[in-house]
Protein backbone atom coordinates (compact mmCIF):
# COMPACT_ATOMS: atom_id res chain seq x y z
CA UNK A 1 0.00 0.00 0.00
CA UNK A 2 1.33 3.42 -0.88
CA UNK A 3 1.80 6.20 1.63
CA UNK A 4 -1.09 8.08 0.00
CA UNK A 5 -3.41 5.07 0.32
CA UNK A 6 -2.53 4.49 3.97
CA UNK A 7 -2.99 8.18 4.78
CA UNK A 8 -6.34 8.53 3.06
CA UNK A 9 -7.73 5.07 3.73
CA UNK A 10 -7.55 3.75 0.19
CA UNK A 11 -6.67 0.17 -0.50
CA UNK A 12 -6.97 -2.30 2.31
CA UNK A 13 -5.98 -5.78 3.17
CA UNK A 14 -7.48 -8.58 1.13
CA UNK A 15 -9.00 -6.18 -1.36
CA UNK A 16 -11.56 -4.96 1.19
CA UNK A 17 -12.33 -1.27 0.82
CA UNK A 18 -11.95 0.91 3.88
CA UNK A 19 -14.16 3.66 2.46
CA UNK A 20 -17.94 3.73 2.65
CA UNK A 21 -20.56 5.94 1.08
CA UNK A 22 -23.40 7.60 2.95
CA UNK A 23 -25.86 4.76 2.48
CA UNK A 24 -23.43 2.11 3.73
CA UNK A 25 -22.31 4.30 6.65
CA UNK A 26 -25.92 4.86 7.74
CA UNK A 27 -26.62 1.13 7.41
CA UNK A 28 -23.61 0.26 9.56
CA UNK A 29 -24.53 2.82 12.24
CA UNK A 30 -28.16 1.70 12.27
CA UNK A 31 -26.90 -1.86 12.85
CA UNK A 32 -24.83 -0.73 15.84
CA UNK A 33 -21.52 0.56 14.47
CA UNK A 34 -19.78 3.29 16.43
CA UNK A 35 -19.79 6.68 14.69
CA UNK A 36 -16.57 8.56 15.44
CA UNK A 37 -15.77 12.18 14.61
CA UNK A 38 -11.98 12.56 14.57
CA UNK A 39 -11.96 16.36 14.37
CA UNK A 40 -10.76 18.56 17.22
CA UNK A 41 -13.06 19.18 20.21
CA UNK A 42 -13.58 22.74 18.97
CA UNK A 43 -14.69 21.56 15.54
CA UNK A 44 -16.91 18.91 17.12
CA UNK A 45 -18.62 21.44 19.41
CA UNK A 46 -19.40 23.55 16.35
CA UNK A 47 -21.62 20.78 14.96
CA UNK A 48 -21.47 17.05 14.42
CA UNK A 49 -23.50 14.18 13.06
CA UNK A 50 -26.11 13.22 15.68
CA UNK A 51 -24.95 10.25 17.75
CA UNK A 52 -21.26 10.70 16.92
CA UNK A 53 -18.59 10.49 19.59
CA UNK A 54 -15.55 12.78 19.42
CA UNK A 55 -12.17 11.04 19.46
CA UNK A 56 -9.62 13.45 17.95
CA UNK A 57 -7.32 11.84 15.39
CA UNK A 58 -4.26 12.41 17.56
CA UNK A 59 -5.86 10.26 20.29
CA UNK A 60 -6.95 7.31 18.11
CA UNK A 61 -3.82 5.22 18.68
CA UNK A 62 -4.10 5.53 22.45
CA UNK A 63 -7.81 4.74 22.50
CA UNK A 64 -7.88 1.60 20.34
CA UNK A 65 -9.08 -0.58 23.24
CA UNK A 66 -12.01 1.79 23.82
CA UNK A 67 -13.00 1.53 20.15
CA UNK A 68 -12.35 -2.19 19.69
CA UNK A 69 -15.64 -3.41 21.15
CA UNK A 70 -16.57 -6.01 18.55
CA UNK A 71 -18.56 -3.55 16.44
CA UNK A 72 -17.60 -1.79 13.24
CA UNK A 73 -16.42 1.81 13.53
CA UNK A 74 -17.33 4.51 11.00
CA UNK A 75 -15.07 7.56 11.07
CA UNK A 76 -15.36 11.02 9.56
CA UNK A 77 -13.75 14.46 9.71
CA UNK A 78 -13.90 17.71 7.71
CA UNK A 79 -12.21 16.60 4.50
CA UNK A 80 -11.59 12.86 4.83
CA UNK A 81 -7.83 13.05 5.42
CA UNK A 82 -7.85 12.66 9.21
CA UNK A 83 -10.56 10.01 9.14
CA UNK A 84 -8.55 8.10 6.51
CA UNK A 85 -5.51 8.15 8.76
CA UNK A 86 -7.57 7.09 11.79
CA UNK A 87 -9.19 4.28 9.78
CA UNK A 88 -5.77 2.95 8.81
CA UNK A 89 -4.60 3.08 12.44
CA UNK A 90 -7.63 1.18 13.70
CA UNK A 91 -7.48 -1.40 10.92
CA UNK A 92 -3.80 -2.02 11.69
CA UNK A 93 -4.89 -2.76 15.27
CA UNK A 94 -7.51 -5.27 14.08
CA UNK A 95 -10.59 -3.04 14.34
CA UNK A 96 -13.23 -3.22 11.60
CA UNK A 97 -13.08 0.45 10.64
CA UNK A 98 -14.49 2.39 7.70
CA UNK A 99 -13.81 5.88 6.41
CA UNK A 100 -16.91 7.91 5.54
CA UNK A 101 -14.61 10.79 4.67
CA UNK A 102 -15.97 14.31 5.06
CA UNK A 103 -18.86 15.00 7.41
CA UNK A 104 -20.76 16.40 4.44
CA UNK A 105 -20.88 12.89 2.94
CA UNK A 106 -23.34 11.80 5.65
C-alpha atoms as a PDB file:
ATOM      1  CA  UNK A   1       0.000   0.000   0.000  1.00  0.00           C
ATOM      2  CA  UNK A   2       1.330   3.420  -0.879  1.00  0.00           C
ATOM      3  CA  UNK A   3       1.796   6.200   1.633  1.00  0.00           C
ATOM      4  CA  UNK A   4      -1.087   8.079   0.003  1.00  0.00           C
ATOM      5  CA  UNK A   5      -3.407   5.071   0.325  1.00  0.00           C
ATOM      6  CA  UNK A   6      -2.533   4.488   3.972  1.00  0.00           C
ATOM      7  CA  UNK A   7      -2.988   8.179   4.775  1.00  0.00           C
ATOM      8  CA  UNK A   8      -6.337   8.526   3.064  1.00  0.00           C
ATOM      9  CA  UNK A   9      -7.734   5.069   3.731  1.00  0.00           C
ATOM     10  CA  UNK A  10      -7.554   3.753   0.193  1.00  0.00           C
ATOM     11  CA  UNK A  11      -6.675   0.173  -0.504  1.00  0.00           C
ATOM     12  CA  UNK A  12      -6.968  -2.298   2.309  1.00  0.00           C
ATOM     13  CA  UNK A  13      -5.977  -5.782   3.171  1.00  0.00           C
ATOM     14  CA  UNK A  14      -7.484  -8.578   1.127  1.00  0.00           C
ATOM     15  CA  UNK A  15      -8.997  -6.176  -1.358  1.00  0.00           C
ATOM     16  CA  UNK A  16     -11.555  -4.958   1.193  1.00  0.00           C
ATOM     17  CA  UNK A  17     -12.331  -1.272   0.816  1.00  0.00           C
ATOM     18  CA  UNK A  18     -11.948   0.912   3.878  1.00  0.00           C
ATOM     19  CA  UNK A  19     -14.165   3.661   2.459  1.00  0.00           C
ATOM     20  CA  UNK A  20     -17.943   3.732   2.655  1.00  0.00           C
ATOM     21  CA  UNK A  21     -20.560   5.938   1.078  1.00  0.00           C
ATOM     22  CA  UNK A  22     -23.400   7.601   2.950  1.00  0.00           C
ATOM     23  CA  UNK A  23     -25.857   4.759   2.482  1.00  0.00           C
ATOM     24  CA  UNK A  24     -23.430   2.109   3.728  1.00  0.00           C
ATOM     25  CA  UNK A  25     -22.312   4.299   6.651  1.00  0.00           C
ATOM     26  CA  UNK A  26     -25.916   4.855   7.739  1.00  0.00           C
ATOM     27  CA  UNK A  27     -26.621   1.131   7.405  1.00  0.00           C
ATOM     28  CA  UNK A  28     -23.607   0.264   9.563  1.00  0.00           C
ATOM     29  CA  UNK A  29     -24.527   2.822  12.243  1.00  0.00           C
ATOM     30  CA  UNK A  30     -28.157   1.702  12.267  1.00  0.00           C
ATOM     31  CA  UNK A  31     -26.903  -1.860  12.846  1.00  0.00           C
ATOM     32  CA  UNK A  32     -24.831  -0.726  15.844  1.00  0.00           C
ATOM     33  CA  UNK A  33     -21.519   0.562  14.472  1.00  0.00           C
ATOM     34  CA  UNK A  34     -19.779   3.291  16.432  1.00  0.00           C
ATOM     35  CA  UNK A  35     -19.787   6.681  14.687  1.00  0.00           C
ATOM     36  CA  UNK A  36     -16.575   8.561  15.443  1.00  0.00           C
ATOM     37  CA  UNK A  37     -15.770  12.179  14.610  1.00  0.00           C
ATOM     38  CA  UNK A  38     -11.982  12.558  14.569  1.00  0.00           C
ATOM     39  CA  UNK A  39     -11.960  16.362  14.366  1.00  0.00           C
ATOM     40  CA  UNK A  40     -10.760  18.565  17.219  1.00  0.00           C
ATOM     41  CA  UNK A  41     -13.061  19.175  20.208  1.00  0.00           C
ATOM     42  CA  UNK A  42     -13.585  22.741  18.969  1.00  0.00           C
ATOM     43  CA  UNK A  43     -14.691  21.565  15.543  1.00  0.00           C
ATOM     44  CA  UNK A  44     -16.914  18.908  17.122  1.00  0.00           C
ATOM     45  CA  UNK A  45     -18.623  21.440  19.414  1.00  0.00           C
ATOM     46  CA  UNK A  46     -19.399  23.547  16.352  1.00  0.00           C
ATOM     47  CA  UNK A  47     -21.618  20.785  14.956  1.00  0.00           C
ATOM     48  CA  UNK A  48     -21.474  17.052  14.416  1.00  0.00           C
ATOM     49  CA  UNK A  49     -23.497  14.182  13.055  1.00  0.00           C
ATOM     50  CA  UNK A  50     -26.106  13.215  15.683  1.00  0.00           C
ATOM     51  CA  UNK A  51     -24.952  10.247  17.746  1.00  0.00           C
ATOM     52  CA  UNK A  52     -21.265  10.701  16.921  1.00  0.00           C
ATOM     53  CA  UNK A  53     -18.586  10.493  19.590  1.00  0.00           C
ATOM     54  CA  UNK A  54     -15.553  12.781  19.421  1.00  0.00           C
ATOM     55  CA  UNK A  55     -12.172  11.042  19.460  1.00  0.00           C
ATOM     56  CA  UNK A  56      -9.618  13.449  17.946  1.00  0.00           C
ATOM     57  CA  UNK A  57      -7.320  11.844  15.386  1.00  0.00           C
ATOM     58  CA  UNK A  58      -4.260  12.415  17.562  1.00  0.00           C
ATOM     59  CA  UNK A  59      -5.863  10.256  20.289  1.00  0.00           C
ATOM     60  CA  UNK A  60      -6.949   7.315  18.108  1.00  0.00           C
ATOM     61  CA  UNK A  61      -3.819   5.216  18.678  1.00  0.00           C
ATOM     62  CA  UNK A  62      -4.099   5.525  22.447  1.00  0.00           C
ATOM     63  CA  UNK A  63      -7.809   4.738  22.499  1.00  0.00           C
ATOM     64  CA  UNK A  64      -7.881   1.604  20.336  1.00  0.00           C
ATOM     65  CA  UNK A  65      -9.079  -0.583  23.244  1.00  0.00           C
ATOM     66  CA  UNK A  66     -12.012   1.788  23.819  1.00  0.00           C
ATOM     67  CA  UNK A  67     -13.005   1.535  20.153  1.00  0.00           C
ATOM     68  CA  UNK A  68     -12.351  -2.191  19.695  1.00  0.00           C
ATOM     69  CA  UNK A  69     -15.643  -3.414  21.151  1.00  0.00           C
ATOM     70  CA  UNK A  70     -16.572  -6.011  18.551  1.00  0.00           C
ATOM     71  CA  UNK A  71     -18.555  -3.549  16.444  1.00  0.00           C
ATOM     72  CA  UNK A  72     -17.596  -1.794  13.236  1.00  0.00           C
ATOM     73  CA  UNK A  73     -16.419   1.808  13.527  1.00  0.00           C
ATOM     74  CA  UNK A  74     -17.332   4.509  11.003  1.00  0.00           C
ATOM     75  CA  UNK A  75     -15.069   7.559  11.073  1.00  0.00           C
ATOM     76  CA  UNK A  76     -15.365  11.020   9.560  1.00  0.00           C
ATOM     77  CA  UNK A  77     -13.749  14.460   9.706  1.00  0.00           C
ATOM     78  CA  UNK A  78     -13.902  17.707   7.709  1.00  0.00           C
ATOM     79  CA  UNK A  79     -12.214  16.598   4.502  1.00  0.00           C
ATOM     80  CA  UNK A  80     -11.595  12.861   4.832  1.00  0.00           C
ATOM     81  CA  UNK A  81      -7.832  13.052   5.420  1.00  0.00           C
ATOM     82  CA  UNK A  82      -7.852  12.662   9.207  1.00  0.00           C
ATOM     83  CA  UNK A  83     -10.563  10.006   9.136  1.00  0.00           C
ATOM     84  CA  UNK A  84      -8.554   8.104   6.512  1.00  0.00           C
ATOM     85  CA  UNK A  85      -5.510   8.145   8.756  1.00  0.00           C
ATOM     86  CA  UNK A  86      -7.574   7.088  11.790  1.00  0.00           C
ATOM     87  CA  UNK A  87      -9.192   4.284   9.782  1.00  0.00           C
ATOM     88  CA  UNK A  88      -5.766   2.953   8.805  1.00  0.00           C
ATOM     89  CA  UNK A  89      -4.598   3.084  12.444  1.00  0.00           C
ATOM     90  CA  UNK A  90      -7.633   1.182  13.703  1.00  0.00           C
ATOM     91  CA  UNK A  91      -7.478  -1.404  10.919  1.00  0.00           C
ATOM     92  CA  UNK A  92      -3.801  -2.019  11.686  1.00  0.00           C
ATOM     93  CA  UNK A  93      -4.890  -2.756  15.270  1.00  0.00           C
ATOM     94  CA  UNK A  94      -7.513  -5.266  14.077  1.00  0.00           C
ATOM     95  CA  UNK A  95     -10.595  -3.038  14.337  1.00  0.00           C
ATOM     96  CA  UNK A  96     -13.234  -3.224  11.600  1.00  0.00           C
ATOM     97  CA  UNK A  97     -13.085   0.449  10.638  1.00  0.00           C
ATOM     98  CA  UNK A  98     -14.490   2.390   7.698  1.00  0.00           C
ATOM     99  CA  UNK A  99     -13.810   5.885   6.412  1.00  0.00           C
ATOM    100  CA  UNK A 100     -16.909   7.908   5.545  1.00  0.00           C
ATOM    101  CA  UNK A 101     -14.605  10.794   4.670  1.00  0.00           C
ATOM    102  CA  UNK A 102     -15.973  14.308   5.064  1.00  0.00           C
ATOM    103  CA  UNK A 103     -18.864  15.001   7.412  1.00  0.00           C
ATOM    104  CA  UNK A 104     -20.764  16.403   4.437  1.00  0.00           C
ATOM    105  CA  UNK A 105     -20.884  12.885   2.943  1.00  0.00           C
ATOM    106  CA  UNK A 106     -23.338  11.795   5.648  1.00  0.00           C
END
